[in-house]
PDB file of all heavy atoms in Angstrom:
ATOM      1  N   ALA A   1     158.417 110.611 218.063  1.00  0.00           N
ATOM      2  CA  ALA A   1     158.541 109.156 218.268  1.00  0.00           C
ATOM      3  C   ALA A   1     159.757 108.799 219.115  1.00  0.00           C
ATOM      4  O   ALA A   1     159.792 107.734 219.754  1.00  0.00           O
ATOM      5  CB  ALA A   1     158.620 108.443 216.921  1.00  0.00           C
ATOM      6  N   GLU A   2     160.746 109.682 219.168  1.00  0.00           N
ATOM      7  CA  GLU A   2     161.943 109.430 219.992  1.00  0.00           C
ATOM      8  C   GLU A   2     161.664 109.642 221.478  1.00  0.00           C
ATOM      9  O   GLU A   2     162.426 109.192 222.328  1.00  0.00           O
ATOM     10  CB  GLU A   2     163.086 110.356 219.543  1.00  0.00           C
ATOM     11  CG  GLU A   2     163.564 110.114 218.116  1.00  0.00           C
ATOM     12  CD  GLU A   2     164.084 108.701 217.901  1.00  0.00           C
ATOM     13  OE1 GLU A   2     164.852 108.220 218.752  1.00  0.00           O
ATOM     14  OE2 GLU A   2     163.703 108.077 216.887  1.00  0.00           O
ATOM     15  N   VAL A   3     160.585 110.365 221.778  1.00  0.00           N
ATOM     16  CA  VAL A   3     160.272 110.732 223.168  1.00  0.00           C
ATOM     17  C   VAL A   3     159.058 109.963 223.696  1.00  0.00           C
ATOM     18  O   VAL A   3     159.025 109.529 224.847  1.00  0.00           O
ATOM     19  CB  VAL A   3     159.981 112.259 223.263  1.00  0.00           C
ATOM     20  CG1 VAL A   3     159.719 112.676 224.708  1.00  0.00           C
ATOM     21  CG2 VAL A   3     161.110 113.061 222.658  1.00  0.00           C
ATOM     22  N   ALA A   4     158.058 109.806 222.825  1.00  0.00           N
ATOM     23  CA  ALA A   4     156.764 109.241 223.248  1.00  0.00           C
ATOM     24  C   ALA A   4     156.873 107.742 223.553  1.00  0.00           C
ATOM     25  O   ALA A   4     157.811 107.066 223.117  1.00  0.00           O
ATOM     26  CB  ALA A   4     155.731 109.475 222.153  1.00  0.00           C
ATOM     27  N   GLY A   5     155.875 107.242 224.300  1.00  0.00           N
ATOM     28  CA  GLY A   5     155.780 105.803 224.547  1.00  0.00           C
ATOM     29  C   GLY A   5     154.989 105.107 223.449  1.00  0.00           C
ATOM     30  O   GLY A   5     155.259 103.956 223.095  1.00  0.00           O
ATOM     31  N   TRP A   6     153.970 105.807 222.927  1.00  0.00           N
ATOM     32  CA  TRP A   6     153.136 105.306 221.837  1.00  0.00           C
ATOM     33  C   TRP A   6     152.915 106.445 220.866  1.00  0.00           C
ATOM     34  O   TRP A   6     152.823 107.611 221.275  1.00  0.00           O
ATOM     35  CB  TRP A   6     151.756 104.860 222.333  1.00  0.00           C
ATOM     36  CG  TRP A   6     151.705 103.722 223.285  1.00  0.00           C
ATOM     37  CD1 TRP A   6     151.485 102.394 222.995  1.00  0.00           C
ATOM     38  CD2 TRP A   6     151.795 103.791 224.719  1.00  0.00           C
ATOM     39  NE1 TRP A   6     151.456 101.643 224.147  1.00  0.00           N
ATOM     40  CE2 TRP A   6     151.644 102.471 225.218  1.00  0.00           C
ATOM     41  CE3 TRP A   6     152.005 104.828 225.635  1.00  0.00           C
ATOM     42  CZ2 TRP A   6     151.684 102.174 226.580  1.00  0.00           C
ATOM     43  CZ3 TRP A   6     152.045 104.537 226.988  1.00  0.00           C
ATOM     44  CH2 TRP A   6     151.895 103.222 227.446  1.00  0.00           C
ATOM     45  N   ILE A   7     152.774 106.134 219.591  1.00  0.00           N
ATOM     46  CA  ILE A   7     152.494 107.186 218.608  1.00  0.00           C
ATOM     47  C   ILE A   7     151.704 106.601 217.437  1.00  0.00           C
ATOM     48  O   ILE A   7     151.876 105.424 217.092  1.00  0.00           O
ATOM     49  CB  ILE A   7     153.800 107.853 218.115  1.00  0.00           C
ATOM     50  CG1 ILE A   7     153.507 109.195 217.433  1.00  0.00           C
ATOM     51  CG2 ILE A   7     154.598 106.915 217.200  1.00  0.00           C
ATOM     52  CD1 ILE A   7     154.725 110.092 217.318  1.00  0.00           C
ATOM     53  N   THR A   8     150.818 107.417 216.863  1.00  0.00           N
ATOM     54  CA  THR A   8     150.122 106.978 215.643  1.00  0.00           C
ATOM     55  C   THR A   8     150.882 107.501 214.431  1.00  0.00           C
ATOM     56  O   THR A   8     151.306 108.654 214.421  1.00  0.00           O
ATOM     57  CB  THR A   8     148.676 107.518 215.580  1.00  0.00           C
ATOM     58  OG1 THR A   8     148.700 108.945 215.692  1.00  0.00           O
ATOM     59  CG2 THR A   8     147.813 106.933 216.674  1.00  0.00           C
ATOM     60  N   PRO A   9     151.050 106.672 213.409  1.00  0.00           N
ATOM     61  CA  PRO A   9     151.694 107.155 212.191  1.00  0.00           C
ATOM     62  C   PRO A   9     150.722 108.028 211.395  1.00  0.00           C
ATOM     63  O   PRO A   9     149.527 108.037 211.644  1.00  0.00           O
ATOM     64  CB  PRO A   9     152.015 105.869 211.427  1.00  0.00           C
ATOM     65  CG  PRO A   9     150.960 104.898 211.877  1.00  0.00           C
ATOM     66  CD  PRO A   9     150.639 105.257 213.295  1.00  0.00           C
ATOM     67  N   MET A  10     151.260 108.761 210.441  1.00  0.00           N
ATOM     68  CA  MET A  10     150.423 109.556 209.539  1.00  0.00           C
ATOM     69  C   MET A  10     151.032 109.446 208.148  1.00  0.00           C
ATOM     70  O   MET A  10     152.149 109.913 207.955  1.00  0.00           O
ATOM     71  CB  MET A  10     150.385 111.011 210.013  1.00  0.00           C
ATOM     72  CG  MET A  10     149.752 111.983 209.027  1.00  0.00           C
ATOM     73  SD  MET A  10     148.019 111.709 208.699  1.00  0.00           S
ATOM     74  CE  MET A  10     147.269 112.503 210.109  1.00  0.00           C
ATOM     75  N   PRO A  11     150.368 108.797 207.196  1.00  0.00           N
ATOM     76  CA  PRO A  11     149.049 108.135 207.315  1.00  0.00           C
ATOM     77  C   PRO A  11     149.169 106.753 207.972  1.00  0.00           C
ATOM     78  O   PRO A  11     150.265 106.324 208.298  1.00  0.00           O
ATOM     79  CB  PRO A  11     148.637 107.998 205.844  1.00  0.00           C
ATOM     80  CG  PRO A  11     149.930 107.845 205.105  1.00  0.00           C
ATOM     81  CD  PRO A  11     150.939 108.688 205.839  1.00  0.00           C
ATOM     82  N   GLY A  12     148.016 106.100 208.143  1.00  0.00           N
ATOM     83  CA  GLY A  12     148.000 104.738 208.663  1.00  0.00           C
ATOM     84  C   GLY A  12     147.705 104.637 210.150  1.00  0.00           C
ATOM     85  O   GLY A  12     147.817 103.559 210.741  1.00  0.00           O
ATOM     86  N   GLY A  13     147.302 105.756 210.769  1.00  0.00           N
ATOM     87  CA  GLY A  13     146.978 105.747 212.189  1.00  0.00           C
ATOM     88  C   GLY A  13     145.476 105.856 212.421  1.00  0.00           C
ATOM     89  O   GLY A  13     144.745 104.875 212.351  1.00  0.00           O
ATOM     90  N   THR A  14     145.013 107.093 212.656  1.00  0.00           N
ATOM     91  CA  THR A  14     143.591 107.285 212.990  1.00  0.00           C
ATOM     92  C   THR A  14     142.689 107.223 211.754  1.00  0.00           C
ATOM     93  O   THR A  14     141.509 106.910 211.880  1.00  0.00           O
ATOM     94  CB  THR A  14     143.378 108.631 213.709  1.00  0.00           C
ATOM     95  OG1 THR A  14     143.866 109.698 212.900  1.00  0.00           O
ATOM     96  CG2 THR A  14     144.117 108.649 215.042  1.00  0.00           C
ATOM     97  N   GLY A  15     143.235 107.501 210.546  1.00  0.00           N
ATOM     98  CA  GLY A  15     142.405 107.493 209.326  1.00  0.00           C
ATOM     99  C   GLY A  15     141.705 106.172 209.069  1.00  0.00           C
ATOM    100  O   GLY A  15     140.467 106.123 208.944  1.00  0.00           O
ATOM    101  N   PRO A  16     142.449 105.054 209.006  1.00  0.00           N
ATOM    102  CA  PRO A  16     141.805 103.755 208.773  1.00  0.00           C
ATOM    103  C   PRO A  16     140.800 103.394 209.872  1.00  0.00           C
ATOM    104  O   PRO A  16     139.801 102.720 209.617  1.00  0.00           O
ATOM    105  CB  PRO A  16     142.978 102.762 208.789  1.00  0.00           C
ATOM    106  CG  PRO A  16     144.203 103.574 208.595  1.00  0.00           C
ATOM    107  CD  PRO A  16     143.908 104.950 209.086  1.00  0.00           C
ATOM    108  N   MET A  17     141.040 103.874 211.103  1.00  0.00           N
ATOM    109  CA  MET A  17     140.150 103.552 212.217  1.00  0.00           C
ATOM    110  C   MET A  17     138.782 104.207 212.053  1.00  0.00           C
ATOM    111  O   MET A  17     137.780 103.701 212.555  1.00  0.00           O
ATOM    112  CB  MET A  17     140.785 104.015 213.540  1.00  0.00           C
ATOM    113  CG  MET A  17     142.010 103.224 213.928  1.00  0.00           C
ATOM    114  SD  MET A  17     141.668 101.451 214.006  1.00  0.00           S
ATOM    115  CE  MET A  17     140.383 101.437 215.249  1.00  0.00           C
ATOM    116  N   THR A  18     138.750 105.342 211.348  1.00  0.00           N
ATOM    117  CA  THR A  18     137.474 106.025 211.123  1.00  0.00           C
ATOM    118  C   THR A  18     136.539 105.125 210.313  1.00  0.00           C
ATOM    119  O   THR A  18     135.348 104.999 210.622  1.00  0.00           O
ATOM    120  CB  THR A  18     137.717 107.366 210.411  1.00  0.00           C
ATOM    121  OG1 THR A  18     138.538 108.181 211.263  1.00  0.00           O
ATOM    122  CG2 THR A  18     136.436 108.099 210.129  1.00  0.00           C
ATOM    123  N   ILE A  19     137.085 104.454 209.289  1.00  0.00           N
ATOM    124  CA  ILE A  19     136.262 103.552 208.470  1.00  0.00           C
ATOM    125  C   ILE A  19     135.870 102.308 209.271  1.00  0.00           C
ATOM    126  O   ILE A  19     134.728 101.853 209.221  1.00  0.00           O
ATOM    127  CB  ILE A  19     136.995 103.188 207.163  1.00  0.00           C
ATOM    128  CG1 ILE A  19     137.051 104.428 206.260  1.00  0.00           C
ATOM    129  CG2 ILE A  19     136.301 102.027 206.443  1.00  0.00           C
ATOM    130  CD1 ILE A  19     137.666 104.214 204.903  1.00  0.00           C
ATOM    131  N   ALA A  20     136.819 101.765 210.060  1.00  0.00           N
ATOM    132  CA  ALA A  20     136.510 100.584 210.889  1.00  0.00           C
ATOM    133  C   ALA A  20     135.346 100.887 211.834  1.00  0.00           C
ATOM    134  O   ALA A  20     134.425 100.073 211.995  1.00  0.00           O
ATOM    135  CB  ALA A  20     137.741 100.162 211.691  1.00  0.00           C
ATOM    136  N   CYS A  21     135.389 102.070 212.450  1.00  0.00           N
ATOM    137  CA  CYS A  21     134.361 102.413 213.437  1.00  0.00           C
ATOM    138  C   CYS A  21     133.043 102.809 212.782  1.00  0.00           C
ATOM    139  O   CYS A  21     131.981 102.659 213.387  1.00  0.00           O
ATOM    140  CB  CYS A  21     134.872 103.496 214.383  1.00  0.00           C
ATOM    141  SG  CYS A  21     136.164 102.837 215.459  1.00  0.00           S
ATOM    142  N   LEU A  22     133.090 103.273 211.531  1.00  0.00           N
ATOM    143  CA  LEU A  22     131.849 103.486 210.776  1.00  0.00           C
ATOM    144  C   LEU A  22     131.107 102.157 210.620  1.00  0.00           C
ATOM    145  O   LEU A  22     129.886 102.078 210.818  1.00  0.00           O
ATOM    146  CB  LEU A  22     132.177 104.064 209.398  1.00  0.00           C
ATOM    147  CG  LEU A  22     131.013 104.091 208.399  1.00  0.00           C
ATOM    148  CD1 LEU A  22     129.963 105.099 208.829  1.00  0.00           C
ATOM    149  CD2 LEU A  22     131.513 104.402 206.998  1.00  0.00           C
ATOM    150  N   LEU A  23     131.849 101.098 210.305  1.00  0.00           N
ATOM    151  CA  LEU A  23     131.224  99.783 210.125  1.00  0.00           C
ATOM    152  C   LEU A  23     130.789  99.200 211.472  1.00  0.00           C
ATOM    153  O   LEU A  23     129.725  98.586 211.570  1.00  0.00           O
ATOM    154  CB  LEU A  23     132.190  98.847 209.393  1.00  0.00           C
ATOM    155  CG  LEU A  23     132.594  99.353 208.000  1.00  0.00           C
ATOM    156  CD1 LEU A  23     133.616  98.434 207.365  1.00  0.00           C
ATOM    157  CD2 LEU A  23     131.382  99.512 207.083  1.00  0.00           C
ATOM    158  N   GLU A  24     131.602  99.422 212.497  1.00  0.00           N
ATOM    159  CA  GLU A  24     131.197  98.995 213.849  1.00  0.00           C
ATOM    160  C   GLU A  24     129.890  99.695 214.242  1.00  0.00           C
ATOM    161  O   GLU A  24     128.971  99.078 214.784  1.00  0.00           O
ATOM    162  CB  GLU A  24     132.314  99.346 214.843  1.00  0.00           C
ATOM    163  CG  GLU A  24     132.058  98.851 216.256  1.00  0.00           C
ATOM    164  CD  GLU A  24     133.146  99.272 217.231  1.00  0.00           C
ATOM    165  OE1 GLU A  24     134.347  99.140 216.899  1.00  0.00           O
ATOM    166  OE2 GLU A  24     132.787  99.738 218.331  1.00  0.00           O
ATOM    167  N   ASN A  25     129.820 101.004 213.946  1.00  0.00           N
ATOM    168  CA  ASN A  25     128.604 101.765 214.232  1.00  0.00           C
ATOM    169  C   ASN A  25     127.402 101.245 213.449  1.00  0.00           C
ATOM    170  O   ASN A  25     126.271 101.267 213.939  1.00  0.00           O
ATOM    171  CB  ASN A  25     128.812 103.247 213.896  1.00  0.00           C
ATOM    172  CG  ASN A  25     129.399 104.036 215.056  1.00  0.00           C
ATOM    173  OD1 ASN A  25     129.493 103.536 216.171  1.00  0.00           O
ATOM    174  ND2 ASN A  25     129.800 105.268 214.799  1.00  0.00           N
ATOM    175  N   THR A  26     127.641 100.789 212.207  1.00  0.00           N
ATOM    176  CA  THR A  26     126.534 100.279 211.389  1.00  0.00           C
ATOM    177  C   THR A  26     125.937  99.036 212.026  1.00  0.00           C
ATOM    178  O   THR A  26     124.708  98.862 212.066  1.00  0.00           O
ATOM    179  CB  THR A  26     127.006  99.999 209.946  1.00  0.00           C
ATOM    180  OG1 THR A  26     127.565 101.210 209.398  1.00  0.00           O
ATOM    181  CG2 THR A  26     125.860  99.553 209.059  1.00  0.00           C
ATOM    182  N   LEU A  27     126.785  98.176 212.570  1.00  0.00           N
ATOM    183  CA  LEU A  27     126.276  96.981 213.252  1.00  0.00           C
ATOM    184  C   LEU A  27     125.579  97.365 214.560  1.00  0.00           C
ATOM    185  O   LEU A  27     124.525  96.809 214.894  1.00  0.00           O
ATOM    186  CB  LEU A  27     127.414  95.986 213.518  1.00  0.00           C
ATOM    187  CG  LEU A  27     126.955  94.574 213.902  1.00  0.00           C
ATOM    188  CD1 LEU A  27     126.074  93.958 212.822  1.00  0.00           C
ATOM    189  CD2 LEU A  27     128.144  93.660 214.183  1.00  0.00           C
ATOM    190  N   THR A  28     126.155  98.339 215.271  1.00  0.00           N
ATOM    191  CA  THR A  28     125.498  98.841 216.494  1.00  0.00           C
ATOM    192  C   THR A  28     124.130  99.429 216.149  1.00  0.00           C
ATOM    193  O   THR A  28     123.144  99.216 216.870  1.00  0.00           O
ATOM    194  CB  THR A  28     126.373  99.919 217.176  1.00  0.00           C
ATOM    195  OG1 THR A  28     127.651  99.364 217.464  1.00  0.00           O
ATOM    196  CG2 THR A  28     125.736 100.430 218.460  1.00  0.00           C
ATOM    197  N   ALA A  29     124.059 100.157 215.034  1.00  0.00           N
ATOM    198  CA  ALA A  29     122.788 100.765 214.594  1.00  0.00           C
ATOM    199  C   ALA A  29     121.742  99.693 214.324  1.00  0.00           C
ATOM    200  O   ALA A  29     120.582  99.811 214.743  1.00  0.00           O
ATOM    201  CB  ALA A  29     123.022 101.607 213.337  1.00  0.00           C
ATOM    202  N   ALA A  30     122.157  98.627 213.640  1.00  0.00           N
ATOM    203  CA  ALA A  30     121.228  97.525 213.353  1.00  0.00           C
ATOM    204  C   ALA A  30     120.745  96.893 214.653  1.00  0.00           C
ATOM    205  O   ALA A  30     119.568  96.510 214.779  1.00  0.00           O
ATOM    206  CB  ALA A  30     121.909  96.483 212.472  1.00  0.00           C
ATOM    207  N   THR A  31     121.634  96.808 215.642  1.00  0.00           N
ATOM    208  CA  THR A  31     121.267  96.252 216.957  1.00  0.00           C
ATOM    209  C   THR A  31     120.263  97.162 217.654  1.00  0.00           C
ATOM    210  O   THR A  31     119.257  96.694 218.211  1.00  0.00           O
ATOM    211  CB  THR A  31     122.525  96.073 217.824  1.00  0.00           C
ATOM    212  OG1 THR A  31     123.494  95.322 217.093  1.00  0.00           O
ATOM    213  CG2 THR A  31     122.217  95.337 219.113  1.00  0.00           C
ATOM    214  N   LEU A  32     120.506  98.494 217.618  1.00  0.00           N
ATOM    215  CA  LEU A  32     119.591  99.461 218.240  1.00  0.00           C
ATOM    216  C   LEU A  32     118.202  99.386 217.595  1.00  0.00           C
ATOM    217  O   LEU A  32     117.182  99.636 218.243  1.00  0.00           O
ATOM    218  CB  LEU A  32     120.136 100.879 218.087  1.00  0.00           C
ATOM    219  CG  LEU A  32     121.360 101.268 218.935  1.00  0.00           C
ATOM    220  CD1 LEU A  32     121.898 102.629 218.495  1.00  0.00           C
ATOM    221  CD2 LEU A  32     121.021 101.289 220.417  1.00  0.00           C
ATOM    222  N   GLN A  33     118.165  99.037 216.288  1.00  0.00           N
ATOM    223  CA  GLN A  33     116.888  98.945 215.561  1.00  0.00           C
ATOM    224  C   GLN A  33     116.244  97.558 215.672  1.00  0.00           C
ATOM    225  O   GLN A  33     115.197  97.321 215.078  1.00  0.00           O
ATOM    226  CB  GLN A  33     117.131  99.288 214.073  1.00  0.00           C
ATOM    227  CG  GLN A  33     117.503 100.764 213.854  1.00  0.00           C
ATOM    228  CD  GLN A  33     118.205 100.979 212.531  1.00  0.00           C
ATOM    229  OE1 GLN A  33     117.641 100.700 211.469  1.00  0.00           O
ATOM    230  NE2 GLN A  33     119.439 101.477 212.556  1.00  0.00           N
ATOM    231  N   GLY A  34     116.898  96.657 216.403  1.00  0.00           N
ATOM    232  CA  GLY A  34     116.337  95.314 216.567  1.00  0.00           C
ATOM    233  C   GLY A  34     116.530  94.421 215.361  1.00  0.00           C
ATOM    234  O   GLY A  34     115.884  93.378 215.230  1.00  0.00           O
TER     235      GLY A  34
END
């Protein structure tokens, strides 16, 4: 974090996004199914 411009924390970075995108995918799935 002292060197990088952006960084994800652990925990609280990519983990919560996995659940968010599961739900985003569920809505996309419903759209694909009409």
